[in-house]
Amino acid sequence: MSDSTEEKIEVKNPDQSVQDRVLEAIDMFRPQLQADGGDMEFVSIDDQMRVHLKLTGACGSCPMAVMTLKMGVERYIMDAVPEITEVVQDMPEGFDQNEYNDYL
């Protein structure tokens, strides 16, 4: 028995496309966001193997969203799909970065 509390994230079928594996990892992580009233939408994977997501619900306006994205979602997805280099948040149309910075 191991003392490690770190769980290895395994995607069930390694023959799936990268996008399918990312979507599966997102679905596995999603309940953690939904428990706090948030969620995320998959947008795309770009040529640099960065996953683009939109955080929605409570996560969309939370000042801790960047930390959640980087320390939670990104880490989870990159563990499950090693080809991914980064997870970035796509801001909604009409988003005012200055207004968001006022929360920080």
N, C-alpha and C. Protein backbone atom coordinates (compact mmCIF):
# COMPACT_ATOMS: atom_id res chain seq x y z
N MET A 1 0.84 -1.18 0.00
CA MET A 1 0.00 0.00 0.00
C MET A 1 0.88 1.25 0.00
N SER A 2 0.51 2.23 -0.75
CA SER A 2 1.28 3.45 -0.90
C SER A 2 0.77 4.53 0.04
N ASP A 3 1.70 5.37 0.55
CA ASP A 3 1.32 6.50 1.39
C ASP A 3 0.89 7.69 0.56
N SER A 4 1.09 7.62 -0.73
CA SER A 4 0.79 8.75 -1.61
C SER A 4 -0.70 8.97 -1.70
N THR A 5 -1.11 10.25 -1.53
CA THR A 5 -2.52 10.60 -1.67
C THR A 5 -2.81 11.10 -3.07
N GLU A 6 -1.77 11.21 -3.89
CA GLU A 6 -1.95 11.70 -5.25
C GLU A 6 -2.49 10.58 -6.13
N GLU A 7 -3.60 10.83 -6.75
CA GLU A 7 -4.26 9.85 -7.59
C GLU A 7 -3.79 10.00 -9.03
N LYS A 8 -3.45 8.90 -9.67
CA LYS A 8 -3.07 8.93 -11.08
C LYS A 8 -4.33 9.01 -11.91
N ILE A 9 -4.36 10.00 -12.79
CA ILE A 9 -5.52 10.19 -13.65
C ILE A 9 -5.31 9.38 -14.91
N GLU A 10 -6.24 8.50 -15.20
CA GLU A 10 -6.10 7.68 -16.39
C GLU A 10 -7.33 7.83 -17.26
N VAL A 11 -7.08 8.13 -18.51
CA VAL A 11 -8.15 8.15 -19.49
C VAL A 11 -8.30 6.73 -19.99
N LYS A 12 -9.54 6.27 -20.11
CA LYS A 12 -9.82 4.86 -20.36
C LYS A 12 -9.23 4.29 -21.65
N ASN A 13 -9.26 5.05 -22.74
CA ASN A 13 -8.83 4.52 -24.02
C ASN A 13 -7.74 5.41 -24.63
N PRO A 14 -6.48 5.01 -24.51
CA PRO A 14 -5.40 5.84 -25.03
C PRO A 14 -5.39 5.97 -26.56
N ASP A 15 -6.20 5.17 -27.26
CA ASP A 15 -6.28 5.27 -28.71
C ASP A 15 -7.24 6.37 -29.16
N GLN A 16 -7.93 7.00 -28.22
CA GLN A 16 -8.83 8.10 -28.56
C GLN A 16 -8.02 9.29 -29.06
N SER A 17 -8.68 10.18 -29.78
CA SER A 17 -8.00 11.40 -30.22
C SER A 17 -7.69 12.26 -29.00
N VAL A 18 -6.77 13.19 -29.17
CA VAL A 18 -6.41 14.10 -28.09
C VAL A 18 -7.66 14.85 -27.62
N GLN A 19 -8.46 15.34 -28.56
CA GLN A 19 -9.65 16.08 -28.18
C GLN A 19 -10.61 15.22 -27.37
N ASP A 20 -10.81 13.98 -27.77
CA ASP A 20 -11.70 13.10 -27.02
C ASP A 20 -11.18 12.85 -25.61
N ARG A 21 -9.88 12.70 -25.48
CA ARG A 21 -9.30 12.48 -24.14
C ARG A 21 -9.42 13.74 -23.29
N VAL A 22 -9.24 14.92 -23.90
CA VAL A 22 -9.42 16.17 -23.17
C VAL A 22 -10.87 16.30 -22.70
N LEU A 23 -11.81 16.02 -23.59
CA LEU A 23 -13.23 16.11 -23.23
C LEU A 23 -13.57 15.15 -22.10
N GLU A 24 -12.99 13.98 -22.13
CA GLU A 24 -13.22 13.01 -21.05
C GLU A 24 -12.65 13.53 -19.73
N ALA A 25 -11.45 14.12 -19.77
CA ALA A 25 -10.85 14.68 -18.56
C ALA A 25 -11.69 15.84 -18.02
N ILE A 26 -12.20 16.68 -18.92
CA ILE A 26 -13.07 17.79 -18.51
C ILE A 26 -14.31 17.24 -17.81
N ASP A 27 -14.92 16.21 -18.38
CA ASP A 27 -16.11 15.62 -17.77
C ASP A 27 -15.80 15.01 -16.40
N MET A 28 -14.59 14.51 -16.23
CA MET A 28 -14.21 13.93 -14.94
C MET A 28 -13.97 15.03 -13.89
N PHE A 29 -13.49 16.20 -14.32
CA PHE A 29 -13.20 17.30 -13.38
C PHE A 29 -14.44 18.15 -13.11
N ARG A 30 -15.34 18.22 -14.06
CA ARG A 30 -16.51 19.11 -14.01
C ARG A 30 -17.28 19.09 -12.68
N PRO A 31 -17.56 17.94 -12.07
CA PRO A 31 -18.33 17.94 -10.81
C PRO A 31 -17.70 18.79 -9.70
N GLN A 32 -16.38 18.94 -9.71
CA GLN A 32 -15.72 19.76 -8.70
C GLN A 32 -16.10 21.23 -8.87
N LEU A 33 -16.22 21.70 -10.11
CA LEU A 33 -16.65 23.07 -10.37
C LEU A 33 -18.14 23.23 -10.08
N GLN A 34 -18.92 22.26 -10.51
CA GLN A 34 -20.37 22.34 -10.34
C GLN A 34 -20.76 22.34 -8.86
N ALA A 35 -19.97 21.74 -8.02
CA ALA A 35 -20.25 21.72 -6.59
C ALA A 35 -20.25 23.14 -6.00
N ASP A 36 -19.54 24.05 -6.64
CA ASP A 36 -19.48 25.44 -6.18
C ASP A 36 -20.26 26.38 -7.09
N GLY A 37 -21.12 25.83 -7.94
CA GLY A 37 -21.97 26.66 -8.80
C GLY A 37 -21.33 27.09 -10.10
N GLY A 38 -20.20 26.49 -10.46
CA GLY A 38 -19.52 26.85 -11.70
C GLY A 38 -19.56 25.73 -12.71
N ASP A 39 -18.93 25.99 -13.82
CA ASP A 39 -18.82 24.98 -14.87
C ASP A 39 -17.80 25.47 -15.89
N MET A 40 -17.56 24.69 -16.91
CA MET A 40 -16.63 25.08 -17.97
C MET A 40 -17.12 24.54 -19.29
N GLU A 41 -16.79 25.27 -20.35
CA GLU A 41 -17.12 24.86 -21.71
C GLU A 41 -15.83 24.69 -22.50
N PHE A 42 -15.72 23.58 -23.19
CA PHE A 42 -14.60 23.36 -24.10
C PHE A 42 -14.78 24.25 -25.32
N VAL A 43 -13.72 24.96 -25.72
CA VAL A 43 -13.77 25.81 -26.91
C VAL A 43 -12.98 25.16 -28.04
N SER A 44 -11.70 24.86 -27.78
CA SER A 44 -10.86 24.30 -28.85
C SER A 44 -9.52 23.86 -28.29
N ILE A 45 -8.76 23.21 -29.16
CA ILE A 45 -7.34 22.94 -28.93
C ILE A 45 -6.61 23.59 -30.09
N ASP A 46 -5.66 24.48 -29.79
CA ASP A 46 -4.98 25.18 -30.87
C ASP A 46 -3.75 24.41 -31.36
N ASP A 47 -3.04 25.00 -32.34
CA ASP A 47 -1.87 24.34 -32.94
C ASP A 47 -0.71 24.15 -31.96
N GLN A 48 -0.72 24.91 -30.87
CA GLN A 48 0.32 24.79 -29.86
C GLN A 48 -0.08 23.82 -28.74
N MET A 49 -1.17 23.08 -28.99
CA MET A 49 -1.69 22.08 -28.05
C MET A 49 -2.13 22.72 -26.73
N ARG A 50 -2.69 23.93 -26.84
CA ARG A 50 -3.29 24.60 -25.69
C ARG A 50 -4.79 24.38 -25.74
N VAL A 51 -5.37 24.00 -24.61
CA VAL A 51 -6.81 23.83 -24.51
C VAL A 51 -7.42 25.18 -24.15
N HIS A 52 -8.43 25.59 -24.92
CA HIS A 52 -9.15 26.83 -24.65
C HIS A 52 -10.48 26.48 -24.02
N LEU A 53 -10.75 27.07 -22.86
CA LEU A 53 -12.00 26.84 -22.13
C LEU A 53 -12.66 28.16 -21.79
N LYS A 54 -13.96 28.12 -21.56
CA LYS A 54 -14.69 29.23 -20.97
C LYS A 54 -15.21 28.76 -19.63
N LEU A 55 -14.89 29.51 -18.58
CA LEU A 55 -15.44 29.22 -17.27
C LEU A 55 -16.78 29.92 -17.18
N THR A 56 -17.79 29.21 -16.69
CA THR A 56 -19.14 29.74 -16.66
C THR A 56 -19.72 29.64 -15.25
N GLY A 57 -20.92 30.17 -15.09
CA GLY A 57 -21.57 30.15 -13.78
C GLY A 57 -20.76 30.95 -12.78
N ALA A 58 -20.68 30.48 -11.56
CA ALA A 58 -19.95 31.17 -10.51
C ALA A 58 -18.47 31.33 -10.86
N CYS A 59 -17.92 30.39 -11.62
CA CYS A 59 -16.51 30.46 -12.00
C CYS A 59 -16.22 31.61 -12.97
N GLY A 60 -17.20 31.98 -13.75
CA GLY A 60 -17.00 33.02 -14.75
C GLY A 60 -16.69 34.38 -14.16
N SER A 61 -17.16 34.64 -12.94
CA SER A 61 -16.95 35.95 -12.33
C SER A 61 -16.12 35.89 -11.05
N CYS A 62 -15.60 34.73 -10.74
CA CYS A 62 -14.85 34.55 -9.49
C CYS A 62 -13.42 35.07 -9.63
N PRO A 63 -12.95 35.85 -8.66
CA PRO A 63 -11.58 36.34 -8.72
C PRO A 63 -10.54 35.22 -8.61
N MET A 64 -10.95 34.06 -8.12
CA MET A 64 -10.03 32.92 -7.99
C MET A 64 -10.05 32.03 -9.23
N ALA A 65 -10.76 32.45 -10.27
CA ALA A 65 -10.92 31.61 -11.46
C ALA A 65 -9.59 31.25 -12.10
N VAL A 66 -8.65 32.18 -12.16
CA VAL A 66 -7.35 31.89 -12.78
C VAL A 66 -6.62 30.82 -12.00
N MET A 67 -6.67 30.92 -10.68
CA MET A 67 -6.01 29.90 -9.85
C MET A 67 -6.69 28.55 -10.04
N THR A 68 -8.01 28.53 -10.07
CA THR A 68 -8.74 27.28 -10.30
C THR A 68 -8.36 26.69 -11.64
N LEU A 69 -8.27 27.55 -12.65
CA LEU A 69 -7.94 27.09 -13.99
C LEU A 69 -6.53 26.49 -14.03
N LYS A 70 -5.56 27.20 -13.48
CA LYS A 70 -4.16 26.76 -13.56
C LYS A 70 -3.83 25.62 -12.60
N MET A 71 -4.23 25.76 -11.35
CA MET A 71 -3.85 24.78 -10.34
C MET A 71 -4.77 23.56 -10.30
N GLY A 72 -5.96 23.70 -10.84
CA GLY A 72 -6.91 22.59 -10.82
C GLY A 72 -7.12 22.00 -12.19
N VAL A 73 -7.81 22.73 -13.04
CA VAL A 73 -8.21 22.20 -14.35
C VAL A 73 -6.99 21.89 -15.21
N GLU A 74 -6.06 22.83 -15.33
CA GLU A 74 -4.88 22.61 -16.18
C GLU A 74 -4.08 21.40 -15.70
N ARG A 75 -3.84 21.35 -14.44
CA ARG A 75 -3.05 20.23 -13.90
C ARG A 75 -3.74 18.90 -14.17
N TYR A 76 -5.04 18.87 -13.98
CA TYR A 76 -5.81 17.64 -14.19
C TYR A 76 -5.76 17.21 -15.65
N ILE A 77 -6.01 18.15 -16.55
CA ILE A 77 -6.03 17.83 -17.98
C ILE A 77 -4.63 17.41 -18.45
N MET A 78 -3.61 18.13 -18.03
CA MET A 78 -2.24 17.80 -18.47
C MET A 78 -1.77 16.46 -17.92
N ASP A 79 -2.24 16.07 -16.74
CA ASP A 79 -1.92 14.74 -16.21
C ASP A 79 -2.60 13.65 -17.03
N ALA A 80 -3.84 13.93 -17.44
CA ALA A 80 -4.62 12.93 -18.20
C ALA A 80 -4.20 12.87 -19.66
N VAL A 81 -3.76 14.01 -20.21
CA VAL A 81 -3.43 14.10 -21.64
C VAL A 81 -2.07 14.83 -21.76
N PRO A 82 -0.98 14.09 -21.67
CA PRO A 82 0.35 14.70 -21.63
C PRO A 82 0.70 15.55 -22.86
N GLU A 83 0.02 15.36 -23.96
CA GLU A 83 0.31 16.16 -25.16
C GLU A 83 -0.08 17.63 -24.98
N ILE A 84 -0.96 17.91 -24.05
CA ILE A 84 -1.43 19.28 -23.82
C ILE A 84 -0.34 20.09 -23.13
N THR A 85 -0.11 21.32 -23.62
CA THR A 85 0.95 22.17 -23.08
C THR A 85 0.45 23.21 -22.10
N GLU A 86 -0.83 23.59 -22.21
CA GLU A 86 -1.38 24.64 -21.35
C GLU A 86 -2.90 24.64 -21.48
N VAL A 87 -3.57 25.16 -20.47
CA VAL A 87 -5.01 25.40 -20.53
C VAL A 87 -5.21 26.89 -20.32
N VAL A 88 -5.94 27.51 -21.24
CA VAL A 88 -6.17 28.96 -21.16
C VAL A 88 -7.66 29.25 -21.15
N GLN A 89 -8.00 30.36 -20.52
CA GLN A 89 -9.40 30.77 -20.44
C GLN A 89 -9.71 31.75 -21.56
N ASP A 90 -10.72 31.44 -22.35
CA ASP A 90 -11.23 32.37 -23.34
C ASP A 90 -12.28 33.23 -22.65
N MET A 91 -12.10 34.52 -22.71
CA MET A 91 -13.04 35.43 -22.06
C MET A 91 -14.27 35.63 -22.94
N PRO A 92 -15.42 35.79 -22.33
CA PRO A 92 -16.63 36.01 -23.11
C PRO A 92 -16.58 37.32 -23.88
N GLU A 93 -17.31 37.37 -24.98
CA GLU A 93 -17.38 38.58 -25.79
C GLU A 93 -17.91 39.73 -24.93
N GLY A 94 -17.29 40.89 -25.04
CA GLY A 94 -17.71 42.05 -24.26
C GLY A 94 -17.11 42.08 -22.86
N PHE A 95 -16.22 41.15 -22.57
CA PHE A 95 -15.59 41.09 -21.25
C PHE A 95 -14.66 42.27 -21.06
N ASP A 96 -14.78 42.93 -19.91
CA ASP A 96 -13.95 44.09 -19.60
C ASP A 96 -12.88 43.67 -18.58
N GLN A 97 -11.64 43.52 -19.05
CA GLN A 97 -10.54 43.07 -18.18
C GLN A 97 -10.32 44.04 -17.03
N ASN A 98 -10.48 45.33 -17.26
CA ASN A 98 -10.29 46.31 -16.18
C ASN A 98 -11.31 46.12 -15.06
N GLU A 99 -12.54 45.84 -15.43
CA GLU A 99 -13.58 45.59 -14.43
C GLU A 99 -13.23 44.34 -13.62
N TYR A 100 -12.74 43.32 -14.30
CA TYR A 100 -12.34 42.07 -13.61
C TYR A 100 -11.19 42.33 -12.66
N ASN A 101 -10.21 43.15 -13.08
CA ASN A 101 -9.05 43.43 -12.25
C ASN A 101 -9.43 44.15 -10.96
N ASP A 102 -10.55 44.86 -10.95
CA ASP A 102 -11.01 45.54 -9.75
C ASP A 102 -11.31 44.55 -8.61
N TYR A 103 -11.65 43.30 -8.98
CA TYR A 103 -11.91 42.27 -7.97
C TYR A 103 -10.64 41.77 -7.32
N LEU A 104 -9.54 41.84 -8.06
CA LEU A 104 -8.29 41.25 -7.58
C LEU A 104 -7.59 42.09 -6.55
